């Protein structure tokens, strides 16, 4: 013992007088997380997924990251955001249909647990979970999961800072009234004569990131939820001019151009077929109408282009701050392309290219091209309604052998929460603020991000929106479209051979239909799905009461 003490004393003496200090590794900083969501953007609307629209910044993220061929949203704004933020099915989070409108505090509250019109207290948000690990939680953009009552706003659901709109849509040049802007918990007016919403959302995102770097140095979670390219078709003229006249050949030609490009890029497999054209006959339109439709699509493309420019600004700010390599970035869309407004779009043509308009859309015919090669749109749970691009970028973790490639592993929105919990080494709570929390429904995508070819989902995953229903297990997907009078007709597809859902196998494989139908019914009961016919009756009753109530 004496000899050991003497040896240690000598070592300490030598280290002290030689000026040599033992090397201590700096603590490893937890990864930053940036979650970017587009609004009403189709599967084929960005360059790295086959579009002619210029998206160099997203393309760069894709080239240095991983792209998913098969990632799913929930077919509509509110249920997607509820699921994304909580890691649950939307009904479990209280938004089985939509969030209540600014003009009506009970518009989508049907007095069922799964249909409250706002996030309930049986869920936690990503922000609430990450705050337990010391993250600063930041948000800029569209909330749309609770409007009436401050307790339902971002700062009350875990975010430290917030700028954006609580409602689902607004004019890009002049957000106002119930569809106006919020900074923290306060209503504010648009700033400056040249205000444009997509730019403003980015300004505040960059501002919040800069403040975090300067003030706290904590890892950050930033949720950047753009409204682009959701209607109204409000775009900056300089961006519009890049595309004006490029769509004079119509939607049918555009679909085929995108289809060929998607195959060449590897977005879709060689055995993927193009679904049937689902739009007006371009050749039967007058020259004046063709010019109007070219203008509508040019406005839509300009909105996406501008969003990409702004994502580039965020990337530059991360690079300048030295945070890029340690930032996990997700980019996705909240639903498939939007066919609202009819075949040729909604809103007054004279408002195109002005700062006016609210429900000003590009219509079903162009949406059919945005969802190439799939069928159906926002609202439906066919592939065209629920398929989204998903780009994952994380230089520190994605192996070079995976960088720039696609994965065929499929996933859905609750997997984002599961992945974030995993990479942040956080704990998803069983109880929060005195409430029992519904268990997390997603699976971590981290193995896929790390380059491992492993199946994410061994159990079925489900969808229901407005009576449109689906279940997927492995390569098989069972799907149905809501019918008010007739009985539900389930269709079965093998997505490994028929991603565009063209060959119904239900008659040939009744056992598989039975298996997946039973799985769906069990899930619907557990998740609190109410038959949509009952919801329709409640809606009709609400409208009748509103009609006879004095204003």
Protein backbone atom coordinates (compact mmCIF):
# COMPACT_ATOMS: atom_id res chain seq x y z
CA UNK A 1 0.00 0.00 0.00
CA UNK A 2 2.91 2.37 0.88
CA UNK A 3 4.55 1.67 -2.51
CA UNK A 4 1.28 2.33 -4.36
CA UNK A 5 0.84 5.65 -2.54
CA UNK A 6 4.42 6.65 -3.38
CA UNK A 7 3.94 5.83 -7.09
CA UNK A 8 0.69 7.81 -7.30
CA UNK A 9 2.29 10.77 -5.51
CA UNK A 10 5.20 10.78 -7.95
CA UNK A 11 2.84 10.70 -10.92
CA UNK A 12 0.82 13.57 -9.52
CA UNK A 13 4.03 15.55 -8.89
CA UNK A 14 5.26 14.99 -12.46
CA UNK A 15 1.93 15.92 -14.02
CA UNK A 16 1.64 19.08 -11.93
CA UNK A 17 5.14 20.39 -12.62
CA UNK A 18 5.25 19.36 -16.26
CA UNK A 19 2.10 21.36 -16.98
CA UNK A 20 0.52 18.31 -18.58
CA UNK A 21 -3.20 17.92 -17.95
CA UNK A 22 -5.19 14.74 -18.48
CA UNK A 23 -7.29 14.92 -21.65
CA UNK A 24 -11.02 15.16 -21.02
CA UNK A 25 -13.36 14.72 -23.98
CA UNK A 26 -15.96 17.47 -24.30
CA UNK A 27 -19.52 16.33 -23.67
CA UNK A 28 -21.34 15.18 -26.79
CA UNK A 29 -24.06 17.68 -27.66
CA UNK A 30 -27.49 16.24 -28.28
CA UNK A 31 -28.59 16.56 -31.92
CA UNK A 32 -30.62 19.56 -33.04
CA UNK A 33 -33.86 18.68 -34.81
CA UNK A 34 -35.48 20.64 -37.64
CA UNK A 35 -38.89 19.46 -38.80
CA UNK A 36 -40.11 21.17 -41.99
CA UNK A 37 -43.62 20.63 -43.31
CA UNK A 38 -45.14 21.77 -46.60
CA UNK A 39 -48.90 22.22 -46.94
CA UNK A 40 -51.11 20.58 -49.63
CA UNK A 41 -48.09 19.57 -51.73
CA UNK A 42 -48.24 16.50 -53.95
CA UNK A 43 -45.85 13.55 -54.11
CA UNK A 44 -44.29 14.68 -57.42
CA UNK A 45 -44.04 18.44 -56.73
CA UNK A 46 -40.33 18.88 -55.87
CA UNK A 47 -37.33 18.35 -58.12
CA UNK A 48 -35.78 15.37 -56.33
CA UNK A 49 -39.13 13.55 -56.60
CA UNK A 50 -39.61 14.27 -60.30
CA UNK A 51 -40.92 17.81 -60.62
CA UNK A 52 -39.89 20.50 -63.10
CA UNK A 53 -40.28 23.08 -60.28
CA UNK A 54 -36.89 24.40 -59.18
CA UNK A 55 -36.12 23.16 -55.65
CA UNK A 56 -32.30 23.16 -55.49
CA UNK A 57 -32.13 23.39 -51.71
CA UNK A 58 -34.40 20.41 -51.10
CA UNK A 59 -32.56 18.56 -53.86
CA UNK A 60 -29.29 19.23 -52.03
CA UNK A 61 -30.72 17.87 -48.77
CA UNK A 62 -31.87 14.78 -50.66
CA UNK A 63 -28.46 14.30 -52.30
CA UNK A 64 -26.83 14.31 -48.87
CA UNK A 65 -29.59 12.38 -47.11
CA UNK A 66 -32.14 9.61 -47.52
CA UNK A 67 -35.41 9.74 -49.44
CA UNK A 68 -38.38 7.53 -48.63
CA UNK A 69 -40.37 6.14 -51.53
CA UNK A 70 -43.17 5.11 -49.17
CA UNK A 71 -43.97 7.48 -46.35
CA UNK A 72 -47.50 8.35 -45.35
CA UNK A 73 -49.42 11.30 -43.91
CA UNK A 74 -53.09 11.42 -42.86
CA UNK A 75 -54.68 12.92 -46.01
CA UNK A 76 -55.67 16.26 -44.43
CA UNK A 77 -54.12 19.21 -42.62
CA UNK A 78 -55.40 18.80 -39.06
CA UNK A 79 -55.24 15.03 -38.57
CA UNK A 80 -51.73 15.02 -40.02
CA UNK A 81 -50.49 17.74 -37.67
CA UNK A 82 -52.14 16.09 -34.68
CA UNK A 83 -50.47 12.78 -35.50
CA UNK A 84 -47.10 14.32 -36.36
CA UNK A 85 -46.89 16.32 -33.15
CA UNK A 86 -48.09 13.59 -30.78
CA UNK A 87 -46.96 10.25 -32.22
CA UNK A 88 -50.57 9.01 -32.07
CA UNK A 89 -53.37 8.34 -34.51
CA UNK A 90 -55.33 11.60 -34.91
CA UNK A 91 -58.45 10.22 -33.21
CA UNK A 92 -56.38 9.35 -30.14
CA UNK A 93 -55.17 12.95 -30.00
CA UNK A 94 -58.72 14.38 -30.25
CA UNK A 95 -58.73 15.41 -33.92
CA UNK A 96 -60.45 12.56 -35.73
CA UNK A 97 -61.81 15.02 -38.27
CA UNK A 98 -60.62 18.65 -38.21
CA UNK A 99 -59.65 21.46 -35.83
CA UNK A 100 -62.39 23.92 -34.87
CA UNK A 101 -62.61 26.98 -37.13
CA UNK A 102 -61.71 30.48 -35.90
CA UNK A 103 -65.30 31.49 -36.64
CA UNK A 104 -66.89 28.61 -34.69
CA UNK A 105 -65.47 27.15 -31.49
CA UNK A 106 -67.44 23.91 -31.83
CA UNK A 107 -67.45 23.40 -35.61
CA UNK A 108 -65.63 20.06 -35.43
CA UNK A 109 -66.37 19.10 -31.84
CA UNK A 110 -68.84 16.23 -32.14
CA UNK A 111 -68.79 15.31 -28.42
CA UNK A 112 -66.90 12.08 -28.96
CA UNK A 113 -63.46 11.55 -27.33
CA UNK A 114 -61.77 11.29 -30.72
CA UNK A 115 -63.58 14.29 -32.22
CA UNK A 116 -62.89 17.29 -29.98
CA UNK A 117 -61.60 19.69 -32.63
CA UNK A 118 -58.36 20.30 -30.69
CA UNK A 119 -55.51 18.33 -29.10
CA UNK A 120 -56.68 16.63 -25.93
CA UNK A 121 -54.83 16.10 -22.62
CA UNK A 122 -54.19 12.41 -23.27
CA UNK A 123 -51.32 13.22 -25.60
CA UNK A 124 -47.98 14.99 -25.41
CA UNK A 125 -46.32 16.98 -28.19
CA UNK A 126 -42.78 16.53 -29.43
CA UNK A 127 -41.98 19.87 -27.79
CA UNK A 128 -43.31 18.73 -24.41
CA UNK A 129 -41.21 15.57 -24.55
CA UNK A 130 -38.00 17.30 -25.69
CA UNK A 131 -38.20 19.96 -22.98
CA UNK A 132 -37.55 17.18 -20.47
CA UNK A 133 -34.14 16.70 -22.16
CA UNK A 134 -33.16 20.36 -22.06
CA UNK A 135 -34.11 21.29 -25.61
CA UNK A 136 -35.22 24.76 -26.54
CA UNK A 137 -38.44 24.26 -28.49
CA UNK A 138 -39.23 26.67 -31.31
CA UNK A 139 -42.02 26.94 -33.86
CA UNK A 140 -42.75 29.13 -36.84
CA UNK A 141 -45.78 28.45 -39.01
CA UNK A 142 -49.20 26.88 -39.19
CA UNK A 143 -50.56 25.34 -35.98
CA UNK A 144 -54.11 24.15 -36.87
CA UNK A 145 -54.58 21.77 -33.93
CA UNK A 146 -56.43 24.08 -31.55
CA UNK A 147 -57.66 27.65 -31.82
CA UNK A 148 -60.16 28.56 -29.11
CA UNK A 149 -58.65 28.80 -25.62
CA UNK A 150 -55.07 29.81 -24.89
CA UNK A 151 -54.38 26.44 -23.26
CA UNK A 152 -54.52 24.93 -26.77
CA UNK A 153 -51.87 27.19 -28.29
CA UNK A 154 -48.21 26.33 -29.01
CA UNK A 155 -46.68 27.92 -25.90
CA UNK A 156 -49.11 25.98 -23.74
CA UNK A 157 -48.22 22.74 -25.56
CA UNK A 158 -44.50 22.82 -24.96
CA UNK A 159 -43.02 25.45 -27.29
CA UNK A 160 -40.77 28.18 -25.89
CA UNK A 161 -41.26 30.54 -28.84
CA UNK A 162 -43.92 30.79 -31.53
CA UNK A 163 -44.70 32.87 -34.60
CA UNK A 164 -47.34 32.01 -37.18
CA UNK A 165 -51.05 31.42 -37.62
CA UNK A 166 -53.28 29.22 -35.50
CA UNK A 167 -55.80 28.73 -38.31
CA UNK A 168 -55.52 26.54 -41.39
CA UNK A 169 -55.14 29.05 -44.22
CA UNK A 170 -54.81 32.77 -44.84
CA UNK A 171 -53.93 35.32 -47.49
CA UNK A 172 -50.13 35.31 -47.93
CA UNK A 173 -49.91 39.09 -48.37
CA UNK A 174 -52.38 40.16 -45.70
CA UNK A 175 -53.15 37.65 -42.93
CA UNK A 176 -55.91 39.22 -40.89
CA UNK A 177 -58.80 38.67 -38.50
CA UNK A 178 -59.21 35.18 -37.11
CA UNK A 179 -56.70 34.02 -39.71
CA UNK A 180 -54.10 36.56 -38.66
CA UNK A 181 -50.67 36.21 -37.08
CA UNK A 182 -49.48 35.42 -33.57
CA UNK A 183 -46.13 36.17 -31.92
CA UNK A 184 -45.82 34.18 -28.73
CA UNK A 185 -49.38 34.54 -27.32
CA UNK A 186 -50.12 37.92 -28.88
CA UNK A 187 -51.88 38.86 -32.11
CA UNK A 188 -49.72 41.01 -34.38
CA UNK A 189 -50.13 42.71 -37.75
CA UNK A 190 -48.08 41.80 -40.85
CA UNK A 191 -44.78 43.68 -40.79
CA UNK A 192 -43.64 45.87 -43.70
CA UNK A 193 -45.05 46.87 -47.08
CA UNK A 194 -43.51 43.85 -48.83
CA UNK A 195 -44.84 41.28 -46.39
CA UNK A 196 -45.10 37.72 -47.74
CA UNK A 197 -46.00 34.92 -45.36
CA UNK A 198 -43.47 32.31 -46.52
CA UNK A 199 -40.65 34.82 -46.11
CA UNK A 200 -41.92 35.97 -42.72
CA UNK A 201 -42.13 32.43 -41.34
CA UNK A 202 -38.51 31.94 -42.34
CA UNK A 203 -37.44 35.30 -40.89
CA UNK A 204 -38.75 34.29 -37.48
CA UNK A 205 -37.38 30.75 -37.70
CA UNK A 206 -33.89 32.16 -38.35
CA UNK A 207 -34.39 34.79 -35.62
CA UNK A 208 -35.34 32.13 -33.07
CA UNK A 209 -32.38 29.94 -34.05
CA UNK A 210 -30.01 32.89 -33.70
CA UNK A 211 -31.39 33.76 -30.27
CA UNK A 212 -31.00 30.16 -29.17
CA UNK A 213 -27.36 30.08 -30.27
CA UNK A 214 -26.61 33.35 -28.49
CA UNK A 215 -28.66 32.99 -25.32
CA UNK A 216 -29.01 29.35 -24.33
CA UNK A 217 -26.66 27.18 -26.45
CA UNK A 218 -29.11 24.35 -25.77
CA UNK A 219 -29.94 21.84 -28.51
CA UNK A 220 -32.99 23.05 -30.41
CA UNK A 221 -36.14 21.57 -31.84
CA UNK A 222 -37.54 23.76 -34.61
CA UNK A 223 -40.92 23.00 -36.18
CA UNK A 224 -41.15 25.05 -39.37
CA UNK A 225 -44.64 24.58 -40.79
CA UNK A 226 -45.08 26.48 -44.05
CA UNK A 227 -48.51 27.18 -45.52
CA UNK A 228 -47.06 26.82 -49.01
CA UNK A 229 -48.40 25.74 -51.47
CA UNK A 230 -51.87 25.60 -49.85
CA UNK A 231 -54.43 27.91 -51.47
CA UNK A 232 -54.88 30.85 -51.95
CA UNK A 233 -52.67 31.07 -55.01
CA UNK A 234 -50.69 34.06 -53.75
CA UNK A 235 -47.15 34.29 -55.11
CA UNK A 236 -44.50 36.91 -55.81
CA UNK A 237 -44.47 38.03 -59.42
CA UNK A 238 -40.72 37.45 -59.90
CA UNK A 239 -41.23 33.79 -58.95
CA UNK A 240 -44.35 33.43 -61.09
CA UNK A 241 -42.56 34.66 -64.20
CA UNK A 242 -40.15 31.70 -64.03
CA UNK A 243 -43.09 29.39 -64.79
CA UNK A 244 -45.55 31.48 -66.78
CA UNK A 245 -46.12 29.79 -70.15
CA UNK A 246 -44.43 26.52 -69.16
CA UNK A 247 -47.73 24.72 -68.59
CA UNK A 248 -49.41 25.49 -71.92
CA UNK A 249 -49.32 21.79 -72.90
CA UNK A 250 -51.71 20.91 -70.06
CA UNK A 251 -51.86 18.45 -67.20
CA UNK A 252 -51.91 15.24 -69.21
CA UNK A 253 -48.56 16.04 -70.83
CA UNK A 254 -47.14 17.21 -67.49
CA UNK A 255 -48.11 13.92 -65.81
CA UNK A 256 -46.24 11.91 -68.43
CA UNK A 257 -43.17 14.12 -68.22
CA UNK A 258 -43.07 13.75 -64.47
CA UNK A 259 -43.74 10.01 -64.68
CA UNK A 260 -40.74 9.51 -66.98
CA UNK A 261 -38.54 11.68 -64.77
CA UNK A 262 -39.63 9.83 -61.61
CA UNK A 263 -38.64 6.50 -63.14
CA UNK A 264 -35.28 7.87 -64.23
CA UNK A 265 -34.57 9.27 -60.75
CA UNK A 266 -35.70 6.07 -59.03
CA UNK A 267 -38.58 7.71 -57.17
CA UNK A 268 -40.84 4.94 -58.46
CA UNK A 269 -39.94 1.44 -59.61
CA UNK A 270 -40.00 0.31 -63.23
CA UNK A 271 -43.12 -1.78 -62.56
CA UNK A 272 -45.05 1.29 -61.31
CA UNK A 273 -47.83 2.19 -63.73
CA UNK A 274 -49.44 5.56 -64.33
CA UNK A 275 -52.99 5.77 -63.01
CA UNK A 276 -55.81 6.98 -65.23
CA UNK A 277 -55.90 10.69 -66.11
CA UNK A 278 -58.46 12.43 -63.92
CA UNK A 279 -58.97 15.93 -65.23
CA UNK A 280 -60.70 18.07 -67.81
CA UNK A 281 -59.89 17.74 -71.51
CA UNK A 282 -57.23 20.38 -72.10
CA UNK A 283 -57.77 20.47 -75.86
CA UNK A 284 -61.42 21.41 -75.39
CA UNK A 285 -60.58 24.52 -73.36
CA UNK A 286 -60.57 27.92 -75.04
CA UNK A 287 -57.22 29.66 -75.54
CA UNK A 288 -58.25 32.12 -72.84
CA UNK A 289 -59.05 29.32 -70.38
CA UNK A 290 -55.80 27.52 -71.18
CA UNK A 291 -53.91 30.72 -70.39
CA UNK A 292 -55.78 31.04 -67.09
CA UNK A 293 -54.95 27.45 -66.15
CA UNK A 294 -51.30 27.98 -67.09
CA UNK A 295 -51.34 30.99 -64.76
CA UNK A 296 -52.87 28.99 -61.91
CA UNK A 297 -50.20 26.31 -62.17
CA UNK A 298 -47.44 28.92 -62.48
CA UNK A 299 -48.65 30.51 -59.22
CA UNK A 300 -48.67 27.12 -57.51
CA UNK A 301 -45.16 26.31 -58.78
CA UNK A 302 -43.95 29.76 -57.64
CA UNK A 303 -45.20 29.07 -54.11
CA UNK A 304 -43.13 25.88 -53.96
CA UNK A 305 -40.12 27.62 -55.51
CA UNK A 306 -40.31 30.37 -52.89
CA UNK A 307 -40.59 27.85 -50.08
CA UNK A 308 -37.43 26.15 -51.34
CA UNK A 309 -35.61 29.49 -51.48
CA UNK A 310 -36.52 30.03 -47.86
CA UNK A 311 -35.43 26.56 -46.81
CA UNK A 312 -32.10 27.51 -48.39
CA UNK A 313 -31.95 30.53 -46.08
CA UNK A 314 -32.46 28.31 -43.04
CA UNK A 315 -29.75 25.91 -44.22
CA UNK A 316 -27.30 28.81 -44.67
CA UNK A 317 -28.02 30.03 -41.14
CA UNK A 318 -27.29 26.55 -39.76
CA UNK A 319 -24.07 26.34 -41.75
CA UNK A 320 -22.99 29.78 -40.58
CA UNK A 321 -23.61 28.84 -36.94
CA UNK A 322 -21.74 25.53 -37.27
CA UNK A 323 -24.85 23.52 -36.40
CA UNK A 324 -25.58 21.88 -39.76
CA UNK A 325 -23.72 18.60 -39.27
CA UNK A 326 -25.37 17.98 -35.91
CA UNK A 327 -28.90 18.81 -37.08
CA UNK A 328 -31.39 16.10 -37.99
CA UNK A 329 -33.68 17.51 -40.70
CA UNK A 330 -37.02 16.09 -41.84
CA UNK A 331 -38.99 17.46 -44.78
CA UNK A 332 -42.48 16.22 -45.69
CA UNK A 333 -45.97 17.32 -46.76
CA UNK A 334 -49.20 17.13 -44.75
CA UNK A 335 -51.35 15.49 -47.45
CA UNK A 336 -51.51 14.76 -51.14
CA UNK A 337 -52.29 17.45 -53.67
CA UNK A 338 -55.56 19.34 -53.25
CA UNK A 339 -58.42 18.93 -55.75
CA UNK A 340 -60.63 21.46 -53.94
CA UNK A 341 -62.25 24.01 -56.24
CA UNK A 342 -63.32 21.55 -58.94
CA UNK A 343 -61.57 20.43 -62.11
CA UNK A 344 -60.46 23.92 -63.10
CA UNK A 345 -59.88 25.44 -59.68
CA UNK A 346 -61.79 27.82 -57.44
CA UNK A 347 -61.80 31.58 -56.96
CA UNK A 348 -62.18 34.51 -59.33
CA UNK A 349 -59.80 34.45 -62.33
CA UNK A 350 -59.37 38.22 -62.07
CA UNK A 351 -57.67 37.73 -58.69
CA UNK A 352 -54.85 35.67 -60.23
CA UNK A 353 -51.57 37.53 -59.92
CA UNK A 354 -52.94 40.05 -57.40
CA UNK A 355 -52.72 40.25 -53.63
CA UNK A 356 -56.41 39.40 -53.35
CA UNK A 357 -58.19 36.11 -52.85
CA UNK A 358 -58.73 33.43 -50.24
CA UNK A 359 -60.21 30.23 -51.74
CA UNK A 360 -58.18 30.58 -54.94
CA UNK A 361 -56.99 27.12 -56.04
CA UNK A 362 -55.47 25.33 -59.05
CA UNK A 363 -58.03 22.50 -59.16
CA UNK A 364 -58.29 18.75 -59.62
CA UNK A 365 -56.76 18.58 -63.10
CA UNK A 366 -53.43 20.02 -61.96
CA UNK A 367 -53.63 18.12 -58.64
CA UNK A 368 -53.75 14.91 -60.69
CA UNK A 369 -50.33 15.86 -62.09
CA UNK A 370 -49.01 16.82 -58.64
CA UNK A 371 -49.85 13.32 -57.39
CA UNK A 372 -48.20 11.49 -60.32
CA UNK A 373 -48.42 8.49 -60.71
CA UNK A 374 -51.12 7.89 -58.09
CA UNK A 375 -54.89 8.33 -57.98
CA UNK A 376 -57.08 10.44 -55.68
CA UNK A 377 -56.19 13.48 -53.62
CA UNK A 378 -56.27 15.18 -50.24
CA UNK A 379 -59.24 13.79 -48.19
CA UNK A 380 -58.87 10.26 -49.64
CA UNK A 381 -56.57 7.52 -48.31
CA UNK A 382 -55.56 6.05 -51.65
CA UNK A 383 -51.85 6.59 -52.38
CA UNK A 384 -52.50 9.99 -53.97
CA UNK A 385 -54.07 11.27 -50.75
CA UNK A 386 -51.55 9.99 -48.21
CA UNK A 387 -48.18 9.65 -49.99
CA UNK A 388 -45.60 12.31 -49.17
CA UNK A 389 -42.00 12.89 -50.06
CA UNK A 390 -39.84 12.39 -46.98
CA UNK A 391 -36.29 13.68 -46.99
CA UNK A 392 -34.10 12.91 -43.96
CA UNK A 393 -30.77 14.72 -43.72
CA UNK A 394 -28.25 14.22 -40.89
CA UNK A 395 -24.59 14.38 -41.97
CA UNK A 396 -23.29 13.21 -38.61
CA UNK A 397 -25.19 9.92 -38.76
CA UNK A 398 -26.22 8.94 -42.31
CA UNK A 399 -23.46 6.72 -43.76
CA UNK A 400 -21.90 7.76 -47.07
CA UNK A 401 -23.10 4.49 -48.60
CA UNK A 402 -26.72 5.59 -47.98
CA UNK A 403 -26.35 9.26 -48.83
CA UNK A 404 -28.47 10.33 -51.78
CA UNK A 405 -30.31 7.02 -51.99
CA UNK A 406 -33.91 5.88 -51.55
CA UNK A 407 -35.25 3.46 -49.00
CA UNK A 408 -38.19 1.13 -49.62
CA UNK A 409 -38.97 0.81 -45.92
CA UNK A 410 -42.36 2.37 -45.31
CA UNK A 411 -43.40 4.54 -42.42
CA UNK A 412 -46.06 6.96 -41.22
CA UNK A 413 -46.39 10.10 -39.12
CA UNK A 414 -46.16 8.64 -35.58
CA UNK A 415 -42.72 7.31 -36.55
CA UNK A 416 -41.40 10.90 -36.53
CA UNK A 417 -42.11 11.27 -32.79
CA UNK A 418 -40.68 7.81 -32.13
CA UNK A 419 -37.50 8.68 -34.05
CA UNK A 420 -37.06 12.00 -32.27
CA UNK A 421 -37.55 10.38 -28.86
CA UNK A 422 -34.93 7.80 -29.86
CA UNK A 423 -32.25 10.19 -31.14
CA UNK A 424 -32.74 12.63 -28.24
CA UNK A 425 -32.58 9.75 -25.73
CA UNK A 426 -35.81 11.09 -24.25
CA UNK A 427 -38.55 9.16 -22.49
CA UNK A 428 -42.10 9.14 -23.81
CA UNK A 429 -44.19 9.60 -20.64
CA UNK A 430 -46.95 7.38 -19.31
CA UNK A 431 -48.29 10.37 -17.34
CA UNK A 432 -47.97 14.11 -17.93
CA UNK A 433 -49.33 16.97 -15.81
CA UNK A 434 -51.64 14.59 -13.98
CA UNK A 435 -53.05 12.98 -17.13
CA UNK A 436 -52.63 9.40 -18.33
CA UNK A 437 -50.96 9.56 -21.76
CA UNK A 438 -51.91 7.27 -24.65
CA UNK A 439 -48.91 5.07 -25.57
CA UNK A 440 -46.76 6.05 -28.54
CA UNK A 441 -47.97 4.43 -31.77
CA UNK A 442 -44.91 4.88 -34.02
CA UNK A 443 -41.63 3.08 -34.52
CA UNK A 444 -38.20 4.69 -34.67
CA UNK A 445 -36.73 5.25 -38.12
CA UNK A 446 -33.22 5.54 -36.68
CA UNK A 447 -32.08 2.10 -37.97
CA UNK A 448 -33.07 3.16 -41.51
CA UNK A 449 -31.30 6.51 -41.07
CA UNK A 450 -28.19 4.61 -39.97
CA UNK A 451 -28.29 2.62 -43.21
CA UNK A 452 -29.75 -0.64 -41.95
CA UNK A 453 -32.17 -2.49 -44.21
CA UNK A 454 -34.67 -3.52 -41.57
CA UNK A 455 -38.47 -3.49 -41.65
CA UNK A 456 -39.86 -0.66 -39.53
CA UNK A 457 -43.40 -2.04 -39.20
CA UNK A 458 -44.20 -5.62 -38.33
CA UNK A 459 -47.77 -4.76 -37.34
CA UNK A 460 -50.49 -3.09 -39.45
CA UNK A 461 -50.87 0.68 -39.69
CA UNK A 462 -54.21 2.42 -40.26
CA UNK A 463 -56.02 5.43 -41.68
CA UNK A 464 -59.52 6.89 -41.44
CA UNK A 465 -60.66 10.30 -42.60
CA UNK A 466 -64.24 11.24 -43.47
CA UNK A 467 -65.09 7.55 -43.79
CA UNK A 468 -62.24 6.84 -46.19
CA UNK A 469 -60.33 3.96 -44.62
CA UNK A 470 -57.19 1.91 -45.13
CA UNK A 471 -54.87 -0.59 -43.47
CA UNK A 472 -51.41 -1.63 -44.59
CA UNK A 473 -49.41 -4.68 -43.51
CA UNK A 474 -46.28 -5.56 -45.43
CA UNK A 475 -46.90 -5.21 -49.15
CA UNK A 476 -50.69 -5.42 -48.86
CA UNK A 477 -53.01 -2.45 -48.49
CA UNK A 478 -56.76 -2.66 -47.95
CA UNK A 479 -58.56 0.58 -48.82
CA UNK A 480 -62.12 1.86 -49.17
CA UNK A 481 -63.83 5.07 -50.18
CA UNK A 482 -66.73 6.37 -48.10
CA UNK A 483 -70.17 5.64 -49.51
CA UNK A 484 -73.19 7.27 -47.93
CA UNK A 485 -75.74 4.71 -49.13
CA UNK A 486 -73.97 1.56 -50.28
CA UNK A 487 -72.07 -0.81 -48.04
CA UNK A 488 -68.31 -0.40 -47.68
CA UNK A 489 -66.42 -1.89 -50.60
CA UNK A 490 -62.91 -2.90 -49.62
CA UNK A 491 -60.24 -3.08 -52.34
CA UNK A 492 -56.97 -4.97 -51.89
CA UNK A 493 -53.68 -4.09 -53.53
CA UNK A 494 -50.17 -5.54 -53.52
CA UNK A 495 -48.13 -2.33 -53.39
CA UNK A 496 -44.87 -4.07 -54.23
CA UNK A 497 -46.29 -4.74 -57.70
CA UNK A 498 -49.05 -2.13 -57.97
CA UNK A 499 -48.29 1.07 -56.05
CA UNK A 500 -50.81 2.98 -58.17
CA UNK A 501 -53.66 0.74 -56.95
CA UNK A 502 -54.89 -0.38 -60.37
CA UNK A 503 -55.48 -4.12 -59.88
CA UNK A 504 -57.96 -4.97 -57.12
CA UNK A 505 -57.12 -8.39 -55.60
CA UNK A 506 -60.03 -8.54 -53.14
CA UNK A 507 -62.01 -11.16 -55.08
CA UNK A 508 -58.94 -13.34 -55.58
CA UNK A 509 -57.70 -13.10 -51.96
CA UNK A 510 -60.73 -13.15 -49.62
CA UNK A 511 -58.69 -14.53 -46.70
CA UNK A 512 -56.31 -11.57 -46.79
CA UNK A 513 -59.28 -9.18 -47.02
CA UNK A 514 -60.80 -10.84 -43.96
CA UNK A 515 -57.54 -10.65 -42.00
CA UNK A 516 -57.01 -6.97 -42.71
CA UNK A 517 -60.68 -6.07 -42.23
CA UNK A 518 -60.65 -7.60 -38.75
CA UNK A 519 -57.45 -5.75 -37.93
CA UNK A 520 -59.02 -2.48 -39.09
CA UNK A 521 -62.20 -2.97 -37.04
CA UNK A 522 -60.21 -3.78 -33.90
CA UNK A 523 -58.09 -0.67 -34.39
CA UNK A 524 -61.11 1.55 -35.13
CA UNK A 525 -62.75 0.44 -31.89
CA UNK A 526 -59.61 1.05 -29.85
CA UNK A 527 -58.82 4.41 -31.48
CA UNK A 528 -62.34 5.77 -31.07
CA UNK A 529 -63.28 6.01 -34.75
CA UNK A 530 -66.96 6.90 -35.16
CA UNK A 531 -68.75 5.72 -38.35
CA UNK A 532 -68.71 8.70 -40.68
CA UNK A 533 -72.44 8.44 -41.33
CA UNK A 534 -72.97 9.47 -37.68
CA UNK A 535 -70.64 12.45 -38.15
CA UNK A 536 -72.54 13.52 -41.27
CA UNK A 537 -75.82 13.52 -39.29
CA UNK A 538 -74.27 15.69 -36.56
CA UNK A 539 -72.90 18.10 -39.17
CA UNK A 540 -76.32 18.41 -40.79
CA UNK A 541 -77.91 19.10 -37.42
CA UNK A 542 -75.32 21.78 -36.64
CA UNK A 543 -75.96 23.48 -39.98
CA UNK A 544 -79.72 23.39 -39.39
CA UNK A 545 -79.34 24.98 -35.96
CA UNK A 546 -76.97 27.64 -37.33
CA UNK A 547 -79.45 28.47 -40.09
CA UNK A 548 -82.34 29.20 -37.71
CA UNK A 549 -80.25 30.93 -35.04
CA UNK A 550 -80.56 34.77 -35.26
CA UNK A 551 -77.28 36.44 -36.17
